Amino acid sequence: MCINQVLGALLRRTRQYISFPQNRRQQEQMMQDIYQVACLPSVLGMIDCPHIPIRTPAGDEAIYHNRKCFHSLNIQVVCDAKGLILDVVPKFPGSTHNAYIIFQSGIHDHVLQGHNMGDWLLGDRGYLLKAWLMIPVATPQSAVEVQYNSTQWLTRSVIKRTFGLLKTYSPVWIDLGDVSSTTPPKVYHIFLACCMVHNLAKTRHMPLPESQPEKSDEEEEEEEKQELRQDELLIIHRHSQRRAIEERNTLIQRYFC
């Protein structure tokens, strides 16, 4: 059976293997599981965007050229405490900022609904602080802010380990010549299939491959310096920062003092 037939068979069952919990009881259980990682409360999931290499598209070269100087898709992923993948957004080219992608995705609406009950996502400093999206304090000024950053990083490291596992499944993530140098739709389909296989292995307690090494703190810090384009800023800055700062300060004072 050719790869297209295998991918087609898998992708017809995407919702069976990748879905964000809609039931409030399931969400509460998910938050309890995430709390067990490092005692950070009310977290609905960890979010990040890996860059997946693609063949240079004809006519659209610039928008796929990312800050790391190769052509890619910037694919948004959300996972839970067990490393299960809950949501995947594949449609954005490599030049698109993480902070812009989340505002254009369905997970944004899910989290806004949940935030009415005090829930949020966790992201790195590649995102903007929002009342429903907690990121690290850029320059911590107190011991409690340092402790919050450490707890936030420990909790968020689950998604970094998940990406490390996905690298072992996915030939599109590493340089394998013709396999990794393919078109955006094919890359997305392969990546999504790898996410499905990953979740299947997790839920059925199958042996998992050894994870690829995670990035160092310095490498992450460098990646988070990417600047937003003006058109992205216009959309994102419609959402107030004041409430977000107050929300994070309340979290830090309540749980880390």
Protein backbone atom coordinates (compact mmCIF):
# COMPACT_ATOMS: atom_id res chain seq x y z
CA MET A 1 0.00 0.00 0.00
CA CYS A 2 1.48 3.42 -0.95
CA ILE A 3 2.02 6.22 1.55
CA ASN A 4 -0.92 8.25 0.22
CA GLN A 5 -3.33 5.39 0.91
CA VAL A 6 -1.94 4.89 4.42
CA LEU A 7 -2.18 8.61 5.16
CA GLY A 8 -5.71 8.77 3.77
CA ALA A 9 -6.84 5.88 5.98
CA LEU A 10 -5.31 7.52 9.08
CA LEU A 11 -6.55 11.04 8.39
CA ARG A 12 -10.14 9.90 8.06
CA ARG A 13 -9.94 9.08 11.78
CA THR A 14 -8.24 12.27 12.95
CA ARG A 15 -10.99 13.29 15.38
CA GLN A 16 -10.93 9.83 16.91
CA TYR A 17 -7.32 10.28 18.01
CA ILE A 18 -6.81 14.06 18.31
CA SER A 19 -9.44 16.14 20.11
CA PHE A 20 -9.62 18.79 22.81
CA PRO A 21 -11.95 17.69 25.65
CA GLN A 22 -15.32 19.48 25.54
CA ASN A 23 -16.76 17.89 28.67
CA ARG A 24 -16.14 19.96 31.81
CA ARG A 25 -15.47 16.88 33.92
CA GLN A 26 -12.80 15.75 31.46
CA GLN A 27 -11.24 19.21 31.51
CA GLU A 28 -11.13 19.23 35.31
CA GLN A 29 -9.41 15.84 35.30
CA MET A 30 -6.93 17.13 32.74
CA MET A 31 -6.17 20.16 34.95
CA GLN A 32 -5.64 17.89 37.95
CA ASP A 33 -3.19 15.77 35.95
CA ILE A 34 -1.26 18.87 34.85
CA TYR A 35 -1.21 20.14 38.44
CA GLN A 36 0.62 16.95 39.43
CA VAL A 37 3.54 17.87 37.14
CA ALA A 38 4.74 20.89 39.15
CA CYS A 39 1.75 22.19 41.17
CA LEU A 40 0.59 24.86 38.72
CA PRO A 41 -3.22 25.12 38.95
CA SER A 42 -6.00 25.53 36.36
CA VAL A 43 -3.90 24.70 33.27
CA LEU A 44 -5.91 23.35 30.33
CA GLY A 45 -2.86 22.45 28.26
CA MET A 46 0.62 23.40 27.08
CA ILE A 47 1.01 25.10 23.70
CA ASP A 48 3.96 25.51 21.33
CA CYS A 49 4.79 25.57 17.61
CA PRO A 50 7.50 23.41 16.01
CA HIS A 51 8.87 24.31 12.58
CA ILE A 52 8.52 21.43 10.12
CA PRO A 53 10.78 21.58 7.01
CA ILE A 54 9.20 21.72 3.55
CA ARG A 55 10.34 21.92 -0.05
CA THR A 56 10.60 25.56 -1.15
CA PRO A 57 7.17 26.40 -2.63
CA ALA A 58 7.14 27.98 -6.07
CA GLY A 59 6.01 31.59 -5.87
CA ASP A 60 5.57 31.65 -2.06
CA GLU A 61 9.17 31.32 -0.99
CA ALA A 62 9.27 34.35 1.33
CA ILE A 63 6.30 33.54 3.56
CA TYR A 64 7.62 30.03 4.26
CA HIS A 65 11.13 31.25 5.13
CA ASN A 66 11.40 31.20 8.93
CA ARG A 67 13.69 32.93 11.42
CA LYS A 68 15.95 29.87 11.45
CA CYS A 69 16.66 30.42 7.75
CA PHE A 70 14.89 27.42 6.24
CA HIS A 71 11.44 26.89 4.69
CA SER A 72 8.83 25.40 6.99
CA LEU A 73 5.31 25.14 8.29
CA ASN A 74 4.81 26.57 11.78
CA ILE A 75 2.42 24.01 13.28
CA GLN A 76 0.62 24.79 16.54
CA VAL A 77 0.30 21.89 18.98
CA VAL A 78 -1.43 21.61 22.37
CA CYS A 79 -0.80 18.69 24.71
CA ASP A 80 -1.82 17.49 28.18
CA ALA A 81 0.19 16.26 31.17
CA LYS A 82 0.63 12.81 29.63
CA GLY A 83 1.95 14.23 26.38
CA LEU A 84 -1.26 13.39 24.51
CA ILE A 85 -1.80 15.77 21.61
CA LEU A 86 -5.13 17.57 21.93
CA ASP A 87 -5.06 20.01 19.03
CA VAL A 88 -3.02 20.62 15.86
CA VAL A 89 -3.20 23.71 13.60
CA PRO A 90 -1.24 23.14 10.38
CA LYS A 91 -2.07 25.91 7.94
CA PHE A 92 0.48 28.64 8.72
CA PRO A 93 3.78 29.18 6.88
CA GLY A 94 7.11 29.37 8.69
CA SER A 95 7.28 33.18 8.81
CA THR A 96 4.10 33.38 10.93
CA HIS A 97 4.56 34.18 14.62
CA ASN A 98 3.27 31.78 17.28
CA ALA A 99 1.37 34.58 18.98
CA TYR A 100 -0.56 35.31 15.77
CA ILE A 101 -1.43 31.66 15.08
CA ILE A 102 -3.24 31.12 18.37
CA PHE A 103 -5.63 34.01 17.68
CA GLN A 104 -6.56 32.44 14.36
CA SER A 105 -7.18 28.95 15.76
CA GLY A 106 -10.17 27.16 17.25
CA ILE A 107 -8.32 26.50 20.51
CA HIS A 108 -8.54 30.25 21.21
CA ASP A 109 -12.33 30.00 21.43
CA HIS A 110 -12.18 26.86 23.60
CA VAL A 111 -9.83 28.49 26.07
CA LEU A 112 -11.81 31.73 26.26
CA GLN A 113 -14.85 29.68 27.25
CA GLY A 114 -12.81 27.83 29.86
CA HIS A 115 -11.23 31.03 31.19
CA ASN A 116 -14.64 32.15 32.38
CA MET A 117 -14.05 29.46 35.01
CA GLY A 118 -10.44 30.49 35.69
CA ASP A 119 -8.56 28.25 33.24
CA TRP A 120 -5.60 29.01 30.98
CA LEU A 121 -3.00 27.62 28.63
CA LEU A 122 0.77 27.69 29.21
CA GLY A 123 3.14 29.03 26.58
CA ASP A 124 6.72 30.30 26.32
CA ARG A 125 7.78 33.91 25.69
CA GLY A 126 7.16 33.44 22.00
CA TYR A 127 3.56 34.26 22.98
CA LEU A 128 2.02 37.41 24.41
CA LEU A 129 0.71 37.33 27.96
CA LYS A 130 -3.07 37.04 28.04
CA ALA A 131 -5.56 36.47 30.84
CA TRP A 132 -6.08 32.97 29.39
CA LEU A 133 -2.44 32.34 28.36
CA MET A 134 0.26 32.35 31.04
CA ILE A 135 3.87 32.89 29.95
CA PRO A 136 7.07 33.33 32.03
CA VAL A 137 7.92 36.66 33.66
CA ALA A 138 10.50 38.26 31.35
CA THR A 139 12.67 39.77 34.10
CA PRO A 140 11.66 38.33 37.49
CA GLN A 141 12.14 40.82 40.31
CA SER A 142 11.37 38.65 43.32
CA ALA A 143 11.82 35.14 44.66
CA VAL A 144 8.17 34.30 44.02
CA GLU A 145 8.45 35.36 40.37
CA VAL A 146 11.55 33.18 40.01
CA GLN A 147 9.63 30.29 41.57
CA TYR A 148 6.69 30.89 39.25
CA ASN A 149 8.99 30.85 36.21
CA SER A 150 10.57 27.58 37.36
CA THR A 151 7.17 25.95 37.93
CA GLN A 152 5.88 27.27 34.62
CA TRP A 153 8.92 25.90 32.79
CA LEU A 154 8.70 22.49 34.47
CA THR A 155 5.04 22.18 33.51
CA ARG A 156 5.64 23.39 29.96
CA SER A 157 8.56 20.99 29.50
CA VAL A 158 5.98 18.24 28.89
CA ILE A 159 5.32 19.60 25.40
CA LYS A 160 9.07 19.85 24.68
CA ARG A 161 9.44 16.16 25.55
CA THR A 162 6.42 15.41 23.37
CA PHE A 163 8.12 17.13 20.43
CA GLY A 164 11.23 15.07 21.19
CA LEU A 165 9.17 11.89 20.83
CA LEU A 166 7.49 13.13 17.66
CA LYS A 167 10.91 13.67 16.11
CA THR A 168 11.56 9.94 16.44
CA TYR A 169 8.34 9.11 14.58
CA SER A 170 8.42 11.77 11.91
CA PRO A 171 10.74 11.71 8.88
CA VAL A 172 9.59 15.23 7.95
CA TRP A 173 11.18 16.74 11.06
CA ILE A 174 14.74 15.70 10.37
CA ASP A 175 16.87 16.01 7.26
CA LEU A 176 16.28 12.86 5.26
CA GLY A 177 16.71 14.28 1.78
CA ASP A 178 13.69 13.70 -0.44
CA VAL A 179 11.52 12.55 2.47
CA SER A 180 11.78 15.85 4.38
CA SER A 181 11.87 18.06 1.29
CA THR A 182 8.22 17.84 0.30
CA THR A 183 5.26 20.15 -0.22
CA PRO A 184 3.28 21.84 2.60
CA PRO A 185 0.11 19.70 2.31
CA LYS A 186 2.09 16.44 2.32
CA VAL A 187 4.24 17.58 5.25
CA TYR A 188 1.16 18.43 7.28
CA HIS A 189 -0.51 15.13 6.51
CA ILE A 190 2.60 13.17 7.53
CA PHE A 191 3.01 15.23 10.71
CA LEU A 192 -0.66 14.81 11.64
CA ALA A 193 -0.41 11.05 11.08
CA CYS A 194 2.65 10.97 13.37
CA CYS A 195 0.63 12.80 16.04
CA MET A 196 -2.11 10.20 15.71
CA VAL A 197 0.37 7.33 15.99
CA HIS A 198 1.91 9.03 19.03
CA ASN A 199 -1.48 9.31 20.78
CA LEU A 200 -2.34 5.73 19.89
CA ALA A 201 0.94 4.50 21.39
CA LYS A 202 0.33 6.57 24.53
CA THR A 203 -3.24 5.45 25.12
CA ARG A 204 -2.42 1.78 24.51
CA HIS A 205 0.74 1.92 26.65
CA MET A 206 2.92 0.76 23.79
CA PRO A 207 6.74 1.02 24.07
CA LEU A 208 7.89 4.50 23.05
CA PRO A 209 11.16 5.37 21.29
CA GLU A 210 13.81 7.36 23.10
CA SER A 211 13.07 11.07 22.93
CA GLN A 212 15.34 13.39 20.99
CA PRO A 213 17.31 15.86 23.17
CA GLU A 214 15.40 18.96 24.24
CA LYS A 215 16.58 22.48 23.47
CA SER A 216 18.64 24.25 26.11
CA ASP A 217 17.26 27.30 27.90
CA GLU A 218 19.60 29.50 25.84
CA GLU A 219 18.30 28.09 22.55
CA GLU A 220 14.69 28.60 23.64
CA GLU A 221 15.45 32.15 24.72
CA GLU A 222 16.95 32.93 21.31
CA GLU A 223 13.93 31.52 19.47
CA GLU A 224 11.56 33.65 21.56
CA LYS A 225 13.09 36.90 20.22
CA GLN A 226 11.23 36.71 16.92
CA GLU A 227 9.28 39.91 16.26
CA LEU A 228 5.68 40.13 15.16
CA ARG A 229 4.81 41.65 11.79
CA GLN A 230 2.69 44.81 11.80
CA ASP A 231 -0.42 43.05 10.47
CA GLU A 232 -0.14 40.45 13.21
CA LEU A 233 0.20 43.14 15.88
CA LEU A 234 -2.95 44.91 14.70
CA ILE A 235 -5.02 41.81 15.43
CA ILE A 236 -3.34 40.78 18.67
CA HIS A 237 -3.27 44.23 20.31
CA ARG A 238 -7.02 44.45 20.17
CA HIS A 239 -6.85 42.27 23.26
CA SER A 240 -5.90 44.19 26.43
CA GLN A 241 -2.67 43.41 28.29
CA ARG A 242 -3.73 45.03 31.57
CA ARG A 243 -6.06 42.24 32.62
CA ALA A 244 -3.46 39.64 31.64
CA ILE A 245 -0.82 41.20 33.89
CA GLU A 246 -3.29 41.38 36.76
CA GLU A 247 -4.25 37.75 36.20
CA ARG A 248 -0.64 36.53 36.31
CA ASN A 249 0.16 38.66 39.37
CA THR A 250 -2.84 37.16 41.16
CA LEU A 251 -1.68 33.65 40.24
CA ILE A 252 1.83 34.32 41.53
CA GLN A 253 0.67 35.94 44.78
CA ARG A 254 -1.91 33.26 45.49
CA TYR A 255 0.21 30.17 44.85
CA PHE A 256 3.88 31.19 45.22
CA CYS A 257 4.04 33.54 48.22
